[in-house]
Amino acid sequence: KDDGSVQTYSKIEQKVISNLDDQVNTILETLFNSETSSDDFKDISTALNKMGDKEVSMTSKMSSRMLSRPMRSLNDSEAGDGKNIASQIKQLRLKVNDLDPSKRSGLFSANKIMGIKIPFGLGYKVKSYFQDFQSAKTQLDSIVNSLYNGKEELMEDNAEIEQEREDMKLNMSRLEQYAYVMRQLDKKIEARLPAIEAESKLKANDIRQEILFPIRQKRTDLLQHMAVCMQGYMALGVIHSNNREL
């Protein structure tokens, strides 16, 4: 529940909240003491309408990058010779299993002669096994090199993700501060409107239309972009974790 209290914005440091409250009071003082036709009133209206536009634009750009960036994951990550990492891991596992000597039938089998175990054809089987291993070496090297290349790409991707998340975190903080300012203005203007209306219905109506209504729309927009930014932040965290595990 959003009641506009300081507790609602607990992520904002208290010293920052105090500074924001001072800015709110300055805006209100100018607003209430200005005629609606004055430049000061128009400047406040314009400034409030533009507040947070830069951060909103940054959020939109971040969302676009999120949708367009390659998702290097187990299913569609590409590296090395163009084959995905999951496929390379699977090939490596199959090849290593194929070369596992414990799975070579008869490699360690033996016959008994006069109670003594004598490996039958052991020399031939060992030679055949190492020939198979030698012939697979080129393929193994290719797979391993491809995986190393994939690791480099994933590490570079994670470095980019870390920076992107830092930018998102900073952007969310600014959006949250603007939303706080809008909420405080909304509360305090609403509380003063009856007194203003008693003096001038025209001024009260102008404040409702030119100030109160726009800041409520703006605050809704800010909160929506905060949610989008948070979703992107969490999604990048999942990708970062998947890259690291992969």
Protein backbone atom coordinates (compact mmCIF):
# COMPACT_ATOMS: atom_id res chain seq x y z
CA LYS A 1 0.00 0.00 0.00
CA ASP A 2 1.35 3.39 -1.01
CA ASP A 3 0.38 6.06 1.51
CA GLY A 4 3.22 8.40 0.52
CA SER A 5 4.95 8.06 3.86
CA VAL A 6 8.71 7.95 4.28
CA GLN A 7 8.41 4.24 5.07
CA THR A 8 7.09 3.65 1.55
CA TYR A 9 10.38 4.96 0.20
CA SER A 10 12.62 3.18 2.67
CA LYS A 11 15.28 2.56 0.00
CA ILE A 12 15.95 6.29 -0.21
CA GLU A 13 18.47 7.52 2.33
CA GLN A 14 17.07 9.83 5.00
CA LYS A 15 19.40 12.68 4.04
CA VAL A 16 18.18 12.40 0.45
CA ILE A 17 14.56 12.46 1.63
CA SER A 18 15.26 15.61 3.63
CA ASN A 19 16.73 17.26 0.54
CA LEU A 20 13.74 16.19 -1.56
CA ASP A 21 11.33 17.55 1.06
CA ASP A 22 13.14 20.91 0.93
CA GLN A 23 12.72 20.96 -2.85
CA VAL A 24 9.02 20.13 -2.50
CA ASN A 25 8.50 22.97 -0.03
CA THR A 26 10.31 25.40 -2.34
CA ILE A 27 8.12 24.40 -5.26
CA LEU A 28 4.95 24.75 -3.21
CA GLU A 29 5.93 28.12 -1.81
CA THR A 30 6.50 29.49 -5.32
CA LEU A 31 3.34 27.84 -6.62
CA PHE A 32 0.99 29.12 -3.95
CA ASN A 33 2.44 32.63 -4.05
CA SER A 34 2.29 32.98 -7.84
CA GLU A 35 -0.55 33.99 -10.08
CA THR A 36 -1.56 31.28 -12.52
CA SER A 37 -0.77 33.61 -15.43
CA SER A 38 2.75 34.37 -14.16
CA ASP A 39 5.98 33.02 -15.60
CA ASP A 40 6.83 31.36 -12.28
CA PHE A 41 3.62 29.32 -12.38
CA LYS A 42 4.25 28.30 -16.00
CA ASP A 43 7.87 27.43 -15.25
CA ILE A 44 6.82 25.14 -12.40
CA SER A 45 4.22 23.46 -14.59
CA THR A 46 6.76 22.90 -17.36
CA ALA A 47 9.45 21.65 -14.98
CA LEU A 48 7.09 19.15 -13.34
CA ASN A 49 5.94 17.86 -16.71
CA LYS A 50 9.57 17.26 -17.75
CA MET A 51 10.70 15.79 -14.44
CA GLY A 52 12.10 12.28 -14.90
CA ASP A 53 11.84 12.35 -18.71
CA LYS A 54 15.56 11.63 -19.08
CA GLU A 55 15.35 8.60 -16.79
CA VAL A 56 12.18 7.37 -18.51
CA SER A 57 13.96 7.59 -21.85
CA MET A 58 16.93 5.69 -20.45
CA THR A 59 14.60 2.97 -19.18
CA SER A 60 13.05 2.61 -22.63
CA LYS A 61 16.49 2.30 -24.22
CA MET A 62 17.52 -0.28 -21.63
CA SER A 63 14.38 -2.29 -22.39
CA SER A 64 15.15 -2.17 -26.11
CA ARG A 65 18.66 -3.47 -25.47
CA MET A 66 17.24 -6.23 -23.31
CA LEU A 67 15.02 -7.39 -26.17
CA SER A 68 17.72 -7.17 -28.83
CA ARG A 69 20.74 -8.50 -26.94
CA PRO A 70 21.79 -12.12 -27.63
CA MET A 71 20.68 -14.39 -24.82
CA ARG A 72 23.69 -16.61 -24.25
CA SER A 73 22.14 -19.55 -22.46
CA LEU A 74 22.22 -23.34 -22.52
CA ASN A 75 19.78 -23.38 -25.41
CA ASP A 76 21.03 -20.71 -27.78
CA SER A 77 24.52 -19.61 -26.80
CA GLU A 78 27.00 -19.50 -29.67
CA ALA A 79 30.76 -19.65 -29.44
CA GLY A 80 33.86 -20.82 -31.27
CA ASP A 81 32.99 -22.51 -34.54
CA GLY A 82 29.39 -21.31 -34.37
CA LYS A 83 27.92 -24.31 -32.58
CA ASN A 84 26.21 -23.61 -29.29
CA ILE A 85 27.96 -24.34 -26.04
CA ALA A 86 25.41 -26.89 -24.92
CA SER A 87 26.04 -28.91 -28.08
CA GLN A 88 29.79 -28.71 -27.52
CA ILE A 89 29.43 -29.93 -23.95
CA LYS A 90 27.24 -32.79 -25.14
CA GLN A 91 29.78 -33.76 -27.82
CA LEU A 92 32.59 -33.65 -25.30
CA ARG A 93 30.67 -35.84 -22.87
CA LEU A 94 29.81 -38.40 -25.57
CA LYS A 95 33.40 -38.52 -26.82
CA VAL A 96 34.86 -38.88 -23.32
CA ASN A 97 32.35 -41.62 -22.49
CA ASP A 98 33.27 -43.38 -25.73
CA LEU A 99 36.95 -43.27 -24.72
CA ASP A 100 36.33 -44.43 -21.15
CA PRO A 101 38.52 -47.56 -20.84
CA SER A 102 36.22 -49.08 -18.24
CA LYS A 103 33.52 -49.24 -20.88
CA ARG A 104 35.71 -50.96 -23.48
CA SER A 105 34.49 -54.53 -23.61
CA GLY A 106 37.27 -57.01 -22.90
CA LEU A 107 40.00 -54.43 -22.37
CA PHE A 108 40.56 -55.67 -18.83
CA SER A 109 39.14 -59.19 -19.23
CA ALA A 110 41.44 -62.19 -18.57
CA ASN A 111 41.55 -65.96 -19.00
CA LYS A 112 42.78 -68.42 -16.41
CA ILE A 113 45.61 -70.82 -17.24
CA MET A 114 46.62 -73.15 -14.41
CA GLY A 115 44.85 -70.89 -11.95
CA ILE A 116 46.72 -67.79 -13.08
CA LYS A 117 44.89 -64.91 -14.75
CA ILE A 118 46.44 -64.13 -18.10
CA PRO A 119 45.03 -61.17 -20.06
CA PHE A 120 44.03 -62.48 -23.45
CA GLY A 121 44.94 -60.21 -26.37
CA LEU A 122 45.62 -57.35 -23.96
CA GLY A 123 48.39 -55.83 -26.07
CA TYR A 124 46.19 -55.61 -29.15
CA LYS A 125 43.26 -54.14 -27.22
CA VAL A 126 45.40 -51.51 -25.52
CA LYS A 127 47.01 -50.59 -28.82
CA SER A 128 43.58 -50.32 -30.45
CA TYR A 129 42.32 -48.19 -27.58
CA PHE A 130 45.20 -45.71 -27.85
CA GLN A 131 44.79 -45.56 -31.62
CA ASP A 132 41.17 -44.58 -31.06
CA PHE A 133 42.26 -42.01 -28.49
CA GLN A 134 44.87 -40.59 -30.84
CA SER A 135 42.39 -40.31 -33.71
CA ALA A 136 39.93 -38.51 -31.39
CA LYS A 137 42.55 -36.05 -30.13
CA THR A 138 41.97 -33.54 -32.93
CA GLN A 139 38.24 -33.59 -32.33
CA LEU A 140 38.72 -33.28 -28.58
CA ASP A 141 41.09 -30.34 -29.00
CA SER A 142 38.60 -28.63 -31.31
CA ILE A 143 35.76 -29.07 -28.82
CA VAL A 144 37.83 -27.88 -25.87
CA ASN A 145 39.13 -24.85 -27.78
CA SER A 146 35.59 -23.99 -28.78
CA LEU A 147 34.48 -24.20 -25.16
CA TYR A 148 37.36 -21.94 -24.09
CA ASN A 149 36.27 -19.42 -26.70
CA GLY A 150 32.73 -19.70 -25.44
CA LYS A 151 33.92 -19.08 -21.89
CA GLU A 152 35.67 -15.88 -23.01
CA GLU A 153 32.47 -14.66 -24.66
CA LEU A 154 30.39 -15.45 -21.58
CA MET A 155 32.86 -13.61 -19.34
CA GLU A 156 32.71 -10.56 -21.62
CA ASP A 157 28.92 -10.81 -21.64
CA ASN A 158 28.84 -10.88 -17.84
CA ALA A 159 31.07 -7.82 -17.63
CA GLU A 160 28.61 -5.95 -19.85
CA ILE A 161 25.68 -7.24 -17.79
CA GLU A 162 27.26 -6.02 -14.54
CA GLN A 163 27.64 -2.52 -15.97
CA GLU A 164 24.11 -2.56 -17.34
CA ARG A 165 22.72 -3.60 -13.96
CA GLU A 166 24.62 -0.81 -12.23
CA ASP A 167 23.11 1.68 -14.69
CA MET A 168 19.64 0.23 -14.08
CA LYS A 169 20.10 0.44 -10.32
CA LEU A 170 21.07 4.11 -10.54
CA ASN A 171 18.16 4.83 -12.87
CA MET A 172 15.68 3.12 -10.54
CA SER A 173 16.98 5.21 -7.64
CA ARG A 174 16.37 8.43 -9.55
CA LEU A 175 12.92 7.34 -10.70
CA GLU A 176 12.04 6.48 -7.09
CA GLN A 177 13.12 9.94 -5.92
CA TYR A 178 11.04 11.66 -8.59
CA ALA A 179 8.04 9.51 -7.67
CA TYR A 180 8.50 10.55 -4.04
CA VAL A 181 8.54 14.23 -5.01
CA MET A 182 5.36 13.80 -7.06
CA ARG A 183 3.61 12.02 -4.22
CA GLN A 184 4.54 14.69 -1.68
CA LEU A 185 3.41 17.46 -4.02
CA ASP A 186 0.14 15.65 -4.64
CA LYS A 187 -0.59 15.30 -0.91
CA LYS A 188 0.29 18.84 0.05
CA ILE A 189 -1.46 20.49 -2.90
CA GLU A 190 -4.60 18.46 -2.24
CA ALA A 191 -4.51 19.55 1.41
CA ARG A 192 -4.21 23.23 0.47
CA LEU A 193 -6.80 23.29 -2.33
CA PRO A 194 -9.86 23.97 -0.13
CA ALA A 195 -8.22 27.12 1.28
CA ILE A 196 -7.12 28.26 -2.18
CA GLU A 197 -10.57 27.61 -3.60
CA ALA A 198 -12.12 29.72 -0.85
CA GLU A 199 -10.00 32.64 -2.06
CA SER A 200 -10.08 31.99 -5.80
CA LYS A 201 -11.96 29.22 -7.55
CA LEU A 202 -10.16 30.11 -10.77
CA LYS A 203 -6.72 29.58 -9.26
CA ALA A 204 -7.81 26.34 -7.61
CA ASN A 205 -9.12 25.09 -10.94
CA ASP A 206 -5.90 26.06 -12.73
CA ILE A 207 -3.82 24.24 -10.11
CA ARG A 208 -5.94 21.13 -10.54
CA GLN A 209 -5.63 21.15 -14.32
CA GLU A 210 -2.12 22.51 -14.81
CA ILE A 211 -0.35 21.02 -11.78
CA LEU A 212 -2.24 18.32 -9.90
CA PHE A 213 -3.54 16.28 -12.81
CA PRO A 214 -0.20 16.24 -14.71
CA ILE A 215 1.88 15.24 -11.67
CA ARG A 216 -0.47 12.34 -10.96
CA GLN A 217 -0.06 11.14 -14.53
CA LYS A 218 3.68 11.67 -14.31
CA ARG A 219 3.95 9.72 -11.07
CA THR A 220 2.04 6.78 -12.57
CA ASP A 221 4.41 6.84 -15.54
CA LEU A 222 7.45 6.93 -13.25
CA LEU A 223 6.22 3.97 -11.21
CA GLN A 224 5.53 1.96 -14.35
CA HIS A 225 9.04 2.57 -15.64
CA MET A 226 10.43 1.67 -12.22
CA ALA A 227 8.67 -1.71 -12.54
CA VAL A 228 10.05 -2.20 -16.06
CA CYS A 229 13.54 -1.31 -14.85
CA MET A 230 13.28 -3.74 -11.95
CA GLN A 231 12.15 -6.57 -14.24
CA GLY A 232 15.10 -5.90 -16.53
CA TYR A 233 17.47 -5.79 -13.56
CA MET A 234 16.24 -9.18 -12.32
CA ALA A 235 16.28 -10.71 -15.81
CA LEU A 236 19.89 -9.66 -16.33
CA GLY A 237 20.72 -11.21 -12.95
CA VAL A 238 19.34 -14.55 -14.15
CA ILE A 239 21.34 -14.33 -17.40
CA HIS A 240 24.49 -13.43 -15.44
CA SER A 241 23.99 -16.44 -13.17
CA ASN A 242 23.33 -18.76 -16.13
CA ASN A 243 26.45 -17.52 -17.92
CA ARG A 244 28.57 -18.09 -14.82
CA GLU A 245 27.23 -21.62 -14.28
CA LEU A 246 27.62 -22.45 -17.97
